[in-house]
Every structure is written in C-alpha cells, then in structure tokens.
Amino acid sequence: MASAGGGALSILEYFGGEDGNRCGYCKSEASNMSHGMWAHTLTVQDYQDLIDRGCRRSGKYVYKPLMNQTCCPQYTIRLSTSNFHPTKSHKKVLKKVLKYLHVGEVSHSKDEGTSGEPMDSQAESPVSCNVSILDKSEIPEEELKPLNIEQEETEKDRESDKQEATHVSSPGLCDKEEHCIQSAEGETCSHSNPKPGKGADVTKPPCRKAKDIRKERRMQKLLHQQTDKASLPERPSAKTTCKAKGSKSVEDFISVTPPENASHHLEVKLVPVSMEDPEFVSSFDRSAALYAKYQMAIHKDLPYQCSPDEFTRFLCDSPLEPETRPDGPACGYGSFHQQYWLDGKIVAVGVIDILPYCVSSVYLYYDPDYAFLSPGVYSALREIAFTRELQKRAADLCYYYMGFYIHSCPKMRYKGQYKPSDLLCPETYLWTPIEKCLPLLELSKYTRFNSNPKEGDRDLLTELGRVRVLYKRTVMPYSIYKKRRKGPNDEVAVKQYAGLVGQTCAERMLLYRN
C-alpha cells in the first residue's frame, strides 16, 4: 500500500503499562491494565494495523489493554457490513424515526430500547494516562455507542428457568410440606409433627443452584448453535438475503422520499475534523454545546469536565493524517464528524474514523431531549449503511468496527447482537466468529480464540535492531540509536513497544525518544 498522507510518517511516544487505572466497568480502583502511546501523527494505514492488533484511540492517546492482566478483558469486535441484515428491533427503530419525520408522531414500546437504552460509546472512562510532553491531563477511553439490544435470555428461557426452579429440591422441605402438596386434591392436610430427618437421599442427584443450571443450559445452546452454523453453507450478502426474504434493508428505510408535508426534516452531514474545513468551523460552537449538554445529562459531568477545550482534546484532536486515493472513497480517509441536523438544529454527532478496511466508531453524543428516537441504534445503523456506500468506491472497506466487546461486563454484550461479527484473538490476532468465542468466554473472561496451538502472532517481533527511532530529529534504526544514546538503557521499553505494535509497524512508524 502506498505511503499514507502524502508521505507522512507516524510518530509515537510509548508510556508502558505497569500501573493500573480505575475500571469503568467493574469499578475496581487500580485493576484496569493497558499499554499507552501518545500519537503525534498517525497514518490511516498504521492505525488500521494497530486496531487489528487490539489497539484503540481516545483523542491522540492510543492504548491496548493487557488482556491477560486487566480485570475486564476488551476484545476488538468488527461487523461484516456486506452480510449484515437488521433485526426486528432494528427495524422498529428505523420505522419509529421515519414515522416521526413524516407525521411527527412516535410510538413507544418496551422492546424498542427507548427506555433505559445504553446509547453512547463511553459509559465510563476506564483509561487514564499522564502525558509527559504534550498534555498532563487524563485521557478518557472511548467505547462504541451502545446500540439497541435484544435480551440475552428470551421469554422462553425465563419460563424454562421457572420450571427448572420447581424441580430443584430444597433441603428445608419437610415431610409435612410434601404431604400438603400431595394431598392438595380434595383432602385436608393434617398438621402432624414432622418426622425425624434421615439426611440426604444418596440415590438422588445432589441439589444444584438454578444459576449453575442456567449457565450450563446457555453453554449447551451456544455449542448447539455453533455446530448448526458450521454445517450451513456460506451466508449470502445482505442484499441477496433481503431480496430472498422480501424484507427491507437499512437503506430501504433511510432512502424513503419524505412527503411534501413532512413534519420534520433530517439531514446527515459528513464533516472532516479540521479547523481548515469551513463547515466544521461554523458548527463547532453548536457541536461543543451539544457535547456539554449530553455529558452533563447522561454522564453527570461537571461543566469544567466537558468544556470546549475538553471537547477539542477528546473528539476533535485526531492524530490521523487525512489522505485521498484514486481508488478510495470520495470523502477520503481520516477522522470525521457525522452530524445529524433535525429541522436546522444539530441533535447528534457520530465521531468516526474512515480507514482503509473499515469505518471505526469512536463516540456518539446527542441531545437528551431526543432520546426517545433511540439515537444510539439509529446512528449505528446509519454508519453501517454508510460503510456499504463507501465500499462501492473502495472494495476493501467492508467492515464496521464497534470498539471493544466486554463479555465480563453484561451491559457491554450488546455489540454481539450485530451479526455477523468477529472477535480478535488476543494471541494470534486472527479473527474468529463470535459464535465460536462465546462458549469459551463463558468459561473464562480471558481466552485464546484460535484453536490451533501451532498458530501464533504472524507479526511477532523478531528483529529489535530494525525498529525505527526518532532521536534528536534524526531517523535511525534502534541498532544505531542504542550506540548513540547516553544514559540509562531503555531496551526493555523499546522491546515492549515493538511487541505491542508488531514488527511491520515498528519498522514503519517512528518511536520518539529523548
């Protein structure tokens, strides 16, 4: 692939990851472990390769969880947009928005995710880092906007749980109670003194907790689904599926021509994150005000925590170098704000990165007054459709990255409902269908997904001396830098960095050292 950004180079500082931070998921004070880097500049290809090794960015801070040490392992998740088909609940949200735009009405039903729906990409801020050179402020972590989810247990499962509970015998059930149950048909129960206990009946299986039974049943169900799917032929594309089923795609809903007397008008604008772009500059104040309103209402931030400066640092300062290619999308690659304008008022903004192989969701903020429209679900479906549109010009751009999937945190499992999705193996960095991962995650919060014990990291660090270093404004390989450097030996830190980014990126990006 050609050099990104017209010959631009990625320049990063490495901070290590020995100290733990507060976890926004399990609320532990110092158990969230990650490696951190400050990206002065970053090409879109280098960032694509980094997120394919489990990294994510928050502003200019790039981090990677220490998967086998952190309290809540975070697995990179991606959706194949070509094969995505909206679920029934997704369509309900699309219909709800369409009805609101056309006739100004909206219906609320409890299965549409309008009540208590997790909307945005950052429920908490699990990652913080002290930036030694550019900025000594805490860097919050992003997560993909929560989208509408279907409950993990269906009504059938819950009814089965109730039936199961009636068969789990209680050690406190005496003969008197058993007699009352047996004599319920027409006879009056006699209240005689209970007989002396005889202890557990060794001929019967031991009592089990209903929780353990439910867990075992879920695992058996997942394994059964996995076996069934393995025997099925390859899934057709979403468009083929839609035609075969006669059902609608996301595009069918969002491309409907509104009536002349429509109650509301919605316009979605893609704006480059750049102070040189007139649309971005003209909408900056309104966008920053919307961000502050959202943060204070949803996350209970104080005004100083969501000031224009904080907004700029978190969602406007991007290390990605904009790039255009003849065979790429017309908008180019880089960081963008996808703005939702309703009747001339900005009501939501989806922050995204457009990379060579994917659209990566960074954050969503919206006007809480319009939460009834399920903006988290709606914007995600729009971004999936947008990825498909980009793929028409750039064939390789066919995935929608949703941030991290955190199985150990139940409220973060919703991303697995968008299918077909893959999780990134934390050891081999190969993608595995989520259906094969779930049974393993039920057994252990950290797991290797690839079943081949001989398969390893294909970009494993092999030559430390070839790592590129920027030292005293001069680019050199680590083998030369090691001889010129005066002071304490930093080989351990350089080796950690190179192992984090992989041999390919380590030879292409510049590691800043002073």
Protein backbone atom coordinates (compact mmCIF):
# COMPACT_ATOMS: atom_id res chain seq x y z
CA MET A 1 0.00 0.00 0.00
CA ALA A 2 1.23 3.45 -0.85
CA SER A 3 2.58 5.70 1.84
CA ALA A 4 -0.28 7.36 3.66
CA GLY A 5 -0.99 11.05 3.94
CA GLY A 6 1.21 12.08 1.02
CA GLY A 7 4.40 10.73 2.58
CA ALA A 8 3.51 11.48 6.22
CA LEU A 9 5.06 9.37 8.94
CA SER A 10 3.57 8.10 12.17
CA ILE A 11 5.36 9.44 15.26
CA LEU A 12 4.54 7.99 18.67
CA GLU A 13 5.73 8.10 22.27
CA TYR A 14 5.46 4.99 24.40
CA PHE A 15 4.39 5.12 28.06
CA GLY A 16 4.27 1.47 29.12
CA GLY A 17 1.50 -0.10 31.17
CA GLU A 18 2.72 -1.22 34.55
CA ASP A 19 0.35 0.90 36.67
CA GLY A 20 -3.34 0.06 36.84
CA ASN A 21 -6.18 2.56 36.42
CA ARG A 22 -9.73 2.66 37.70
CA CYS A 23 -12.03 0.39 35.69
CA GLY A 24 -15.23 1.96 34.42
CA TYR A 25 -16.89 -1.44 34.07
CA CYS A 26 -16.32 -3.33 37.34
CA LYS A 27 -15.46 -0.12 39.29
CA SER A 28 -12.21 -1.52 40.65
CA GLU A 29 -9.76 1.23 41.55
CA ALA A 30 -6.49 0.02 40.01
CA SER A 31 -7.19 -3.16 38.04
CA ASN A 32 -7.59 -1.78 34.51
CA MET A 33 -4.26 -2.54 32.84
CA SER A 34 -3.18 -1.26 29.42
CA HIS A 35 -0.23 -0.09 27.35
CA GLY A 36 -0.35 3.54 26.23
CA MET A 37 1.14 5.63 23.43
CA TRP A 38 0.78 9.29 22.51
CA ALA A 39 0.41 9.65 18.74
CA HIS A 40 1.75 12.96 17.43
CA THR A 41 0.83 11.87 13.89
CA LEU A 42 -0.59 8.60 12.62
CA THR A 43 -1.25 7.42 9.08
CA VAL A 44 -4.55 5.71 8.38
CA GLN A 45 -2.78 2.51 7.34
CA ASP A 46 -0.72 2.39 10.53
CA TYR A 47 -3.81 2.94 12.66
CA GLN A 48 -5.68 0.24 10.73
CA ASP A 49 -2.84 -2.17 11.51
CA LEU A 50 -2.81 -1.09 15.17
CA ILE A 51 -6.53 -1.66 15.75
CA ASP A 52 -6.10 -5.05 14.07
CA ARG A 53 -3.72 -5.78 16.95
CA GLY A 54 -6.21 -4.74 19.61
CA CYS A 55 -5.47 -1.01 19.96
CA ARG A 56 -7.95 1.89 20.12
CA ARG A 57 -7.57 5.66 20.28
CA SER A 58 -9.07 8.31 22.54
CA GLY A 59 -8.11 11.67 21.08
CA LYS A 60 -4.41 11.30 20.37
CA TYR A 61 -3.92 8.68 23.06
CA VAL A 62 -3.61 5.14 21.67
CA TYR A 63 -3.93 2.27 24.13
CA LYS A 64 -4.06 -1.50 24.18
CA PRO A 65 -5.46 -3.49 27.13
CA LEU A 66 -3.16 -6.02 28.76
CA MET A 67 -5.65 -8.76 28.09
CA ASN A 68 -4.34 -11.45 30.42
CA GLN A 69 -3.89 -8.99 33.31
CA THR A 70 -6.72 -6.46 33.14
CA CYS A 71 -9.87 -7.01 35.19
CA CYS A 72 -12.28 -6.73 32.23
CA PRO A 73 -10.65 -8.02 29.00
CA GLN A 74 -11.68 -5.94 25.98
CA TYR A 75 -11.85 -7.78 22.65
CA THR A 76 -11.88 -5.84 19.39
CA ILE A 77 -15.12 -6.54 17.52
CA ARG A 78 -15.95 -5.94 13.87
CA LEU A 79 -19.08 -6.39 11.79
CA SER A 80 -19.15 -7.56 8.19
CA THR A 81 -21.43 -4.90 6.71
CA SER A 82 -21.91 -6.77 3.42
CA ASN A 83 -23.69 -9.58 5.25
CA PHE A 84 -25.49 -7.53 7.89
CA HIS A 85 -29.27 -7.68 7.99
CA PRO A 86 -31.28 -5.61 10.51
CA THR A 87 -33.16 -7.47 13.21
CA LYS A 88 -36.78 -6.90 14.07
CA SER A 89 -35.83 -4.48 16.85
CA HIS A 90 -33.55 -2.55 14.48
CA LYS A 91 -36.40 -2.15 12.02
CA LYS A 92 -38.69 -0.90 14.77
CA VAL A 93 -36.24 1.91 15.48
CA LEU A 94 -35.96 2.76 11.78
CA LYS A 95 -39.76 2.81 11.45
CA LYS A 96 -40.08 4.92 14.57
CA VAL A 97 -37.71 7.59 13.23
CA LEU A 98 -39.38 7.50 9.83
CA LYS A 99 -42.82 7.98 11.39
CA TYR A 100 -41.57 10.87 13.49
CA LEU A 101 -40.08 12.59 10.43
CA HIS A 102 -43.18 12.12 8.28
CA VAL A 103 -46.08 12.67 10.67
CA GLY A 104 -44.44 13.99 13.84
CA GLU A 105 -45.56 11.06 15.97
CA VAL A 106 -43.64 8.31 17.69
CA SER A 107 -44.89 5.15 19.34
CA HIS A 108 -43.17 3.73 22.39
CA SER A 109 -42.96 0.02 23.08
CA LYS A 110 -40.78 -1.57 25.68
CA ASP A 111 -38.90 -3.77 23.21
CA GLU A 112 -37.63 -0.88 21.08
CA GLY A 113 -34.95 0.15 23.52
CA THR A 114 -36.47 3.54 24.21
CA SER A 115 -36.32 3.12 27.97
CA GLY A 116 -33.01 2.68 29.71
CA GLU A 117 -31.21 2.13 26.42
CA PRO A 118 -27.43 2.47 26.54
CA MET A 119 -26.78 4.97 23.79
CA ASP A 120 -23.22 6.16 23.60
CA SER A 121 -19.77 4.70 23.31
CA GLN A 122 -18.44 5.59 26.71
CA ALA A 123 -20.36 4.59 29.79
CA GLU A 124 -17.28 5.34 31.86
CA SER A 125 -13.67 6.39 31.31
CA PRO A 126 -11.62 3.31 32.22
CA VAL A 127 -8.27 4.54 30.86
CA SER A 128 -6.21 7.46 32.05
CA CYS A 129 -2.65 8.46 31.31
CA ASN A 130 -0.28 11.27 32.23
CA VAL A 131 1.20 12.67 29.04
CA SER A 132 4.69 13.82 29.91
CA ILE A 133 5.41 16.10 26.95
CA LEU A 134 2.24 17.39 25.32
CA ASP A 135 -0.52 17.29 27.91
CA LYS A 136 -0.62 16.24 31.55
CA SER A 137 -4.35 15.55 31.64
CA GLU A 138 -6.31 12.36 31.98
CA ILE A 139 -7.19 10.76 28.69
CA PRO A 140 -10.66 9.13 28.76
CA GLU A 141 -11.32 5.91 26.95
CA GLU A 142 -13.91 5.58 24.21
CA GLU A 143 -16.32 2.74 23.55
CA LEU A 144 -18.72 2.20 20.64
CA LYS A 145 -22.01 3.60 21.10
CA PRO A 146 -24.30 1.11 22.68
CA LEU A 147 -26.88 0.10 20.24
CA ASN A 148 -30.29 -1.38 20.85
CA ILE A 149 -30.06 -4.93 22.13
CA GLU A 150 -32.21 -7.95 22.43
CA GLN A 151 -32.29 -9.54 25.89
CA GLU A 152 -29.80 -12.35 26.39
CA GLU A 153 -32.47 -14.57 27.84
CA THR A 154 -35.69 -14.93 25.89
CA GLU A 155 -39.09 -15.31 27.47
CA LYS A 156 -38.79 -19.00 26.72
CA ASP A 157 -35.54 -19.17 28.67
CA ARG A 158 -37.04 -17.38 31.64
CA GLU A 159 -40.06 -19.68 31.65
CA SER A 160 -37.70 -22.63 31.49
CA ASP A 161 -35.84 -21.19 34.48
CA LYS A 162 -39.08 -21.06 36.45
CA GLN A 163 -39.83 -24.67 35.59
CA GLU A 164 -36.29 -25.67 36.49
CA ALA A 165 -36.62 -23.95 39.85
CA THR A 166 -39.63 -26.09 40.73
CA HIS A 167 -37.50 -29.22 40.24
CA VAL A 168 -34.61 -28.04 42.39
CA SER A 169 -35.36 -29.61 45.75
CA SER A 170 -34.85 -27.55 48.87
CA PRO A 171 -33.09 -29.09 51.90
CA GLY A 172 -35.61 -27.29 54.12
CA LEU A 173 -38.66 -29.04 52.64
CA CYS A 174 -40.07 -31.27 55.39
CA ASP A 175 -42.40 -34.27 55.16
CA LYS A 176 -45.29 -32.10 56.27
CA GLU A 177 -44.89 -29.81 53.27
CA GLU A 178 -44.56 -32.72 50.90
CA HIS A 179 -47.75 -34.23 52.33
CA CYS A 180 -49.57 -30.94 51.86
CA ILE A 181 -48.57 -30.86 48.20
CA GLN A 182 -49.57 -34.46 47.61
CA SER A 183 -52.97 -34.11 49.36
CA ALA A 184 -53.95 -30.92 47.53
CA GLU A 185 -56.66 -32.69 45.53
CA GLY A 186 -59.69 -32.74 47.77
CA GLU A 187 -58.07 -33.73 51.09
CA THR A 188 -57.32 -31.55 54.05
CA CYS A 189 -53.73 -31.53 55.15
CA SER A 190 -53.15 -32.76 58.70
CA HIS A 191 -50.71 -30.74 60.77
CA SER A 192 -48.87 -33.57 62.49
CA ASN A 193 -45.42 -33.20 63.92
CA PRO A 194 -42.62 -33.69 61.39
CA LYS A 195 -40.78 -36.98 61.34
CA PRO A 196 -37.13 -37.07 62.32
CA GLY A 197 -34.83 -36.24 59.45
CA LYS A 198 -32.97 -39.05 57.72
CA GLY A 199 -30.39 -36.90 55.89
CA ALA A 200 -29.80 -36.59 52.15
CA ASP A 201 -31.09 -39.30 49.86
CA VAL A 202 -27.95 -40.76 48.34
CA THR A 203 -29.96 -42.33 45.50
CA LYS A 204 -30.85 -38.88 44.13
CA PRO A 205 -28.51 -36.38 42.46
CA PRO A 206 -27.27 -33.54 44.70
CA CYS A 207 -29.11 -30.23 44.66
CA ARG A 208 -27.82 -27.61 42.23
CA LYS A 209 -28.19 -23.87 42.13
CA ALA A 210 -30.53 -22.51 39.49
CA LYS A 211 -27.77 -20.12 38.39
CA ASP A 212 -25.45 -23.04 37.57
CA ILE A 213 -28.21 -24.82 35.67
CA ARG A 214 -28.94 -21.71 33.58
CA LYS A 215 -25.25 -21.25 32.81
CA GLU A 216 -24.91 -24.88 31.69
CA ARG A 217 -28.02 -24.59 29.53
CA ARG A 218 -26.74 -21.41 27.85
CA MET A 219 -23.42 -23.07 27.06
CA GLN A 220 -25.16 -26.11 25.57
CA LYS A 221 -27.33 -23.80 23.48
CA LEU A 222 -24.31 -21.85 22.21
CA LEU A 223 -22.44 -25.04 21.35
CA HIS A 224 -25.51 -26.35 19.55
CA GLN A 225 -25.83 -23.12 17.55
CA GLN A 226 -22.13 -23.25 16.72
CA THR A 227 -22.46 -26.82 15.42
CA ASP A 228 -25.52 -25.96 13.36
CA LYS A 229 -23.89 -22.89 11.80
CA ALA A 230 -20.74 -24.80 10.92
CA SER A 231 -22.83 -27.17 8.79
CA LEU A 232 -24.63 -24.37 6.95
CA PRO A 233 -23.45 -23.02 3.58
CA GLU A 234 -21.84 -19.59 3.40
CA ARG A 235 -24.31 -16.82 4.21
CA PRO A 236 -25.39 -14.74 1.20
CA SER A 237 -24.96 -10.99 1.19
CA ALA A 238 -27.46 -8.75 2.94
CA LYS A 239 -28.93 -7.52 -0.33
CA THR A 240 -29.44 -11.09 -1.56
CA THR A 241 -30.99 -12.05 1.75
CA CYS A 242 -33.32 -9.07 1.67
CA LYS A 243 -34.49 -9.93 -1.83
CA ALA A 244 -34.94 -13.60 -0.97
CA LYS A 245 -36.95 -12.84 2.14
CA GLY A 246 -38.73 -9.86 0.68
CA SER A 247 -37.67 -7.83 3.72
CA LYS A 248 -36.18 -4.37 3.85
CA SER A 249 -32.56 -3.35 4.33
CA VAL A 250 -31.36 -0.33 6.30
CA GLU A 251 -31.01 1.56 3.02
CA ASP A 252 -34.66 0.91 2.19
CA PHE A 253 -35.70 2.82 5.30
CA ILE A 254 -33.30 5.75 5.13
CA SER A 255 -33.79 6.36 1.40
CA VAL A 256 -37.57 6.81 1.61
CA THR A 257 -38.62 10.07 -0.05
CA PRO A 258 -40.44 12.19 2.55
CA PRO A 259 -43.89 13.60 1.75
CA GLU A 260 -44.21 17.27 0.84
CA ASN A 261 -45.96 17.99 4.13
CA ALA A 262 -43.46 16.08 6.28
CA SER A 263 -43.42 17.23 9.90
CA HIS A 264 -39.63 17.17 10.25
CA HIS A 265 -36.56 17.23 8.03
CA LEU A 266 -33.42 15.22 8.84
CA GLU A 267 -30.09 15.86 7.12
CA VAL A 268 -26.90 13.88 7.81
CA LYS A 269 -23.65 15.73 7.04
CA LEU A 270 -20.16 14.24 6.95
CA VAL A 271 -17.70 16.88 8.14
CA PRO A 272 -13.89 16.43 8.25
CA VAL A 273 -12.37 17.08 11.67
CA SER A 274 -10.27 20.06 10.67
CA MET A 275 -10.15 23.72 11.60
CA GLU A 276 -9.47 24.33 7.91
CA ASP A 277 -12.87 22.97 6.95
CA PRO A 278 -15.48 25.77 6.87
CA GLU A 279 -18.42 23.52 7.84
CA PHE A 280 -16.54 22.12 10.83
CA VAL A 281 -15.57 25.61 11.98
CA SER A 282 -19.03 27.10 11.52
CA SER A 283 -20.69 24.28 13.51
CA PHE A 284 -18.01 23.97 16.20
CA ASP A 285 -19.72 26.05 18.90
CA ARG A 286 -23.06 24.30 18.46
CA SER A 287 -21.40 20.90 18.41
CA ALA A 288 -19.38 21.67 21.57
CA ALA A 289 -22.52 22.92 23.34
CA LEU A 290 -24.36 19.71 22.40
CA TYR A 291 -21.46 17.62 23.74
CA ALA A 292 -21.56 19.50 27.07
CA LYS A 293 -25.34 19.08 27.34
CA TYR A 294 -25.02 15.36 26.66
CA GLN A 295 -22.14 14.77 29.09
CA MET A 296 -23.82 16.64 31.94
CA ALA A 297 -27.21 14.98 31.43
CA ILE A 298 -26.10 11.41 30.69
CA HIS A 299 -22.73 11.07 32.46
CA LYS A 300 -23.29 13.69 35.15
CA ASP A 301 -20.12 15.58 34.22
CA LEU A 302 -19.40 18.92 35.82
CA PRO A 303 -19.14 21.91 33.45
CA TYR A 304 -15.34 22.03 33.58
CA GLN A 305 -15.19 18.34 32.59
CA CYS A 306 -16.96 18.98 29.29
CA SER A 307 -15.64 22.42 28.37
CA PRO A 308 -14.82 23.34 24.75
CA ASP A 309 -11.16 22.55 25.50
CA GLU A 310 -12.04 19.07 26.76
CA PHE A 311 -14.32 18.56 23.77
CA THR A 312 -11.49 19.55 21.44
CA ARG A 313 -8.95 17.28 23.17
CA PHE A 314 -11.25 14.27 23.26
CA LEU A 315 -13.16 14.38 19.96
CA CYS A 316 -11.50 16.95 17.69
CA ASP A 317 -7.76 16.42 18.19
CA SER A 318 -7.07 13.43 15.97
CA PRO A 319 -3.61 12.08 15.13
CA LEU A 320 -4.84 10.69 11.79
CA GLU A 321 -3.36 12.28 8.70
CA PRO A 322 -6.08 12.91 6.07
CA GLU A 323 -5.50 11.03 2.85
CA THR A 324 -7.14 10.63 -0.55
CA ARG A 325 -6.54 7.88 -3.09
CA PRO A 326 -7.72 7.39 -6.66
CA ASP A 327 -9.39 4.10 -5.71
CA GLY A 328 -10.60 5.34 -2.31
CA PRO A 329 -13.85 6.95 -1.16
CA ALA A 330 -14.61 10.45 -2.43
CA CYS A 331 -14.52 11.87 1.12
CA GLY A 332 -11.04 10.43 1.67
CA TYR A 333 -9.65 8.76 4.78
CA GLY A 334 -9.22 10.25 8.25
CA SER A 335 -11.37 11.46 11.16
CA PHE A 336 -14.88 12.81 10.64
CA HIS A 337 -17.96 14.04 12.49
CA GLN A 338 -21.20 12.69 11.09
CA GLN A 339 -23.68 15.37 12.11
CA TYR A 340 -27.44 14.81 12.37
CA TRP A 341 -29.38 18.03 11.67
CA LEU A 342 -33.07 17.98 12.53
CA ASP A 343 -35.06 20.98 11.29
CA GLY A 344 -31.86 23.03 11.08
CA LYS A 345 -30.70 22.06 14.58
CA ILE A 346 -27.81 19.72 15.32
CA VAL A 347 -29.18 16.91 17.53
CA ALA A 348 -26.49 14.20 17.35
CA VAL A 349 -22.90 13.69 16.24
CA GLY A 350 -21.22 10.38 15.49
CA VAL A 351 -17.42 10.58 15.62
CA ILE A 352 -15.87 8.09 13.18
CA ASP A 353 -12.55 7.19 11.59
CA ILE A 354 -12.54 6.13 7.94
CA LEU A 355 -9.66 3.69 7.43
CA PRO A 356 -8.52 1.51 4.51
CA TYR A 357 -10.59 -1.52 5.58
CA CYS A 358 -13.26 -0.14 7.88
CA VAL A 359 -15.31 2.62 9.41
CA SER A 360 -14.29 2.72 13.07
CA SER A 361 -16.79 4.15 15.56
CA VAL A 362 -15.18 6.46 18.12
CA TYR A 363 -18.03 8.14 20.03
CA LEU A 364 -21.61 9.36 19.88
CA TYR A 365 -23.18 12.30 21.67
CA TYR A 366 -26.72 13.56 21.20
CA ASP A 367 -29.39 15.87 22.55
CA PRO A 368 -31.02 14.05 25.50
CA ASP A 369 -34.34 15.66 24.52
CA TYR A 370 -34.39 13.28 21.53
CA ALA A 371 -33.50 10.09 23.39
CA PHE A 372 -36.97 8.77 22.53
CA LEU A 373 -35.75 8.33 18.95
CA SER A 374 -33.08 5.81 20.04
CA PRO A 375 -30.18 7.80 18.51
CA GLY A 376 -27.62 5.18 19.53
CA VAL A 377 -29.33 2.48 17.49
CA TYR A 378 -30.27 4.73 14.62
CA SER A 379 -26.81 6.26 14.19
CA ALA A 380 -25.14 2.84 14.25
CA LEU A 381 -27.44 1.58 11.52
CA ARG A 382 -26.71 4.72 9.51
CA GLU A 383 -22.97 4.14 9.93
CA ILE A 384 -23.36 0.54 8.75
CA ALA A 385 -25.21 1.78 5.65
CA PHE A 386 -22.55 4.47 5.18
CA THR A 387 -19.82 1.81 5.23
CA ARG A 388 -21.65 -0.05 2.47
CA GLU A 389 -21.82 3.15 0.45
CA LEU A 390 -18.07 3.68 0.80
CA GLN A 391 -17.43 0.11 -0.29
CA LYS A 392 -18.85 0.92 -3.73
CA ARG A 393 -15.73 3.01 -4.37
CA ALA A 394 -13.26 1.19 -2.10
CA ALA A 395 -13.82 -2.57 -2.29
CA ASP A 396 -11.62 -3.35 0.76
CA LEU A 397 -13.60 -1.01 3.01
CA CYS A 398 -16.19 -3.54 4.15
CA TYR A 399 -16.13 -3.66 7.97
CA TYR A 400 -17.68 -1.63 10.76
CA TYR A 401 -15.53 -1.66 13.90
CA MET A 402 -17.60 -1.24 17.06
CA GLY A 403 -14.78 -0.78 19.57
CA PHE A 404 -14.45 -3.40 22.29
CA TYR A 405 -16.65 -6.32 23.25
CA ILE A 406 -16.50 -6.97 27.01
CA HIS A 407 -18.12 -10.28 27.89
CA SER A 408 -17.34 -10.00 31.61
CA CYS A 409 -19.49 -6.84 31.73
CA PRO A 410 -23.11 -7.82 30.89
CA LYS A 411 -24.11 -4.30 29.84
CA MET A 412 -21.38 -4.34 27.16
CA ARG A 413 -22.50 -7.58 25.47
CA TYR A 414 -25.00 -5.79 23.21
CA LYS A 415 -22.42 -5.43 20.44
CA GLY A 416 -22.56 -9.18 19.88
CA GLN A 417 -26.17 -8.78 18.71
CA TYR A 418 -24.96 -7.15 15.47
CA LYS A 419 -24.18 -10.04 13.17
CA PRO A 420 -22.17 -11.45 11.55
CA SER A 421 -19.43 -10.23 13.89
CA ASP A 422 -15.90 -11.42 14.64
CA LEU A 423 -13.71 -11.07 17.73
CA LEU A 424 -9.94 -10.59 17.55
CA CYS A 425 -7.89 -13.36 19.14
CA PRO A 426 -5.62 -11.70 21.73
CA GLU A 427 -2.71 -14.05 21.00
CA THR A 428 -2.76 -14.73 17.26
CA TYR A 429 -4.52 -11.51 16.14
CA LEU A 430 -6.72 -13.56 13.82
CA TRP A 431 -10.48 -13.04 13.58
CA THR A 432 -12.92 -15.62 14.91
CA PRO A 433 -16.74 -15.64 14.50
CA ILE A 434 -18.29 -14.51 17.76
CA GLU A 435 -20.47 -17.63 17.95
CA LYS A 436 -17.33 -19.71 18.45
CA CYS A 437 -15.96 -17.32 21.06
CA LEU A 438 -18.94 -17.12 23.41
CA PRO A 439 -18.69 -20.66 24.86
CA LEU A 440 -15.01 -20.02 25.64
CA LEU A 441 -15.79 -16.68 27.29
CA GLU A 442 -18.42 -18.35 29.47
CA LEU A 443 -15.63 -20.47 30.94
CA SER A 444 -13.00 -17.74 31.30
CA LYS A 445 -13.07 -13.95 30.84
CA TYR A 446 -9.66 -14.15 29.14
CA THR A 447 -9.24 -16.75 26.47
CA ARG A 448 -7.45 -17.55 23.24
CA PHE A 449 -9.94 -18.00 20.41
CA ASN A 450 -7.75 -19.71 17.83
CA SER A 451 -7.82 -23.46 18.47
CA ASN A 452 -4.61 -24.27 16.58
CA PRO A 453 -1.83 -24.41 19.21
CA LYS A 454 0.81 -24.01 16.49
CA GLU A 455 -0.70 -20.72 15.29
CA GLY A 456 0.97 -17.66 16.77
CA ASP A 457 1.40 -13.95 16.18
CA ARG A 458 2.27 -13.69 12.50
CA ASP A 459 3.81 -10.25 13.02
CA LEU A 460 5.80 -11.17 16.11
CA LEU A 461 8.84 -9.03 16.89
CA THR A 462 11.91 -10.79 15.51
CA GLU A 463 14.50 -8.05 14.90
CA LEU A 464 14.67 -5.35 17.57
CA GLY A 465 17.52 -3.61 15.77
CA ARG A 466 15.23 -2.73 12.83
CA VAL A 467 12.79 -0.72 14.95
CA ARG A 468 12.73 2.87 13.65
CA VAL A 469 13.56 5.57 16.19
CA LEU A 470 13.32 9.38 16.03
CA TYR A 471 16.19 10.70 18.15
CA LYS A 472 17.43 14.29 18.13
CA ARG A 473 15.43 14.98 14.95
CA THR A 474 17.16 12.12 13.17
CA VAL A 475 15.54 8.88 11.98
CA MET A 476 17.63 5.79 12.64
CA PRO A 477 17.25 2.08 13.37
CA TYR A 478 17.36 1.04 17.01
CA SER A 479 20.72 -0.69 16.45
CA ILE A 480 22.31 2.74 15.72
CA TYR A 481 20.29 4.60 18.35
CA LYS A 482 21.44 2.14 21.01
CA LYS A 483 25.06 3.08 20.35
CA ARG A 484 24.48 6.85 20.28
CA ARG A 485 22.19 7.13 23.28
CA LYS A 486 23.68 8.32 26.54
CA GLY A 487 22.01 7.49 29.81
CA PRO A 488 20.06 4.54 31.20
CA ASN A 489 19.43 1.58 28.94
CA ASP A 490 15.86 1.66 27.56
CA GLU A 491 15.89 -1.62 25.67
CA VAL A 492 13.10 -3.09 27.80
CA ALA A 493 10.73 -0.21 26.95
CA VAL A 494 11.60 -0.31 23.24
CA LYS A 495 11.06 -4.06 23.19
CA GLN A 496 7.65 -3.65 24.87
CA TYR A 497 6.64 -1.04 22.31
CA ALA A 498 7.76 -3.15 19.34
CA GLY A 499 5.98 -6.20 20.71
CA LEU A 500 2.83 -4.12 21.11
CA VAL A 501 2.72 -2.72 17.57
CA GLY A 502 4.28 -5.69 15.75
CA GLN A 503 7.37 -5.96 13.57
CA THR A 504 5.76 -4.35 10.49
CA CYS A 505 4.57 -1.19 12.23
CA ALA A 506 7.74 -0.99 14.32
CA GLU A 507 9.79 -0.75 11.13
CA ARG A 508 7.40 1.77 9.54
CA MET A 509 6.45 4.11 12.40
CA LEU A 510 8.83 6.32 14.35
CA LEU A 511 9.32 5.83 18.09
CA TYR A 512 10.17 9.20 19.61
CA ARG A 513 12.99 9.09 22.18
CA ASN A 514 14.62 11.98 24.03
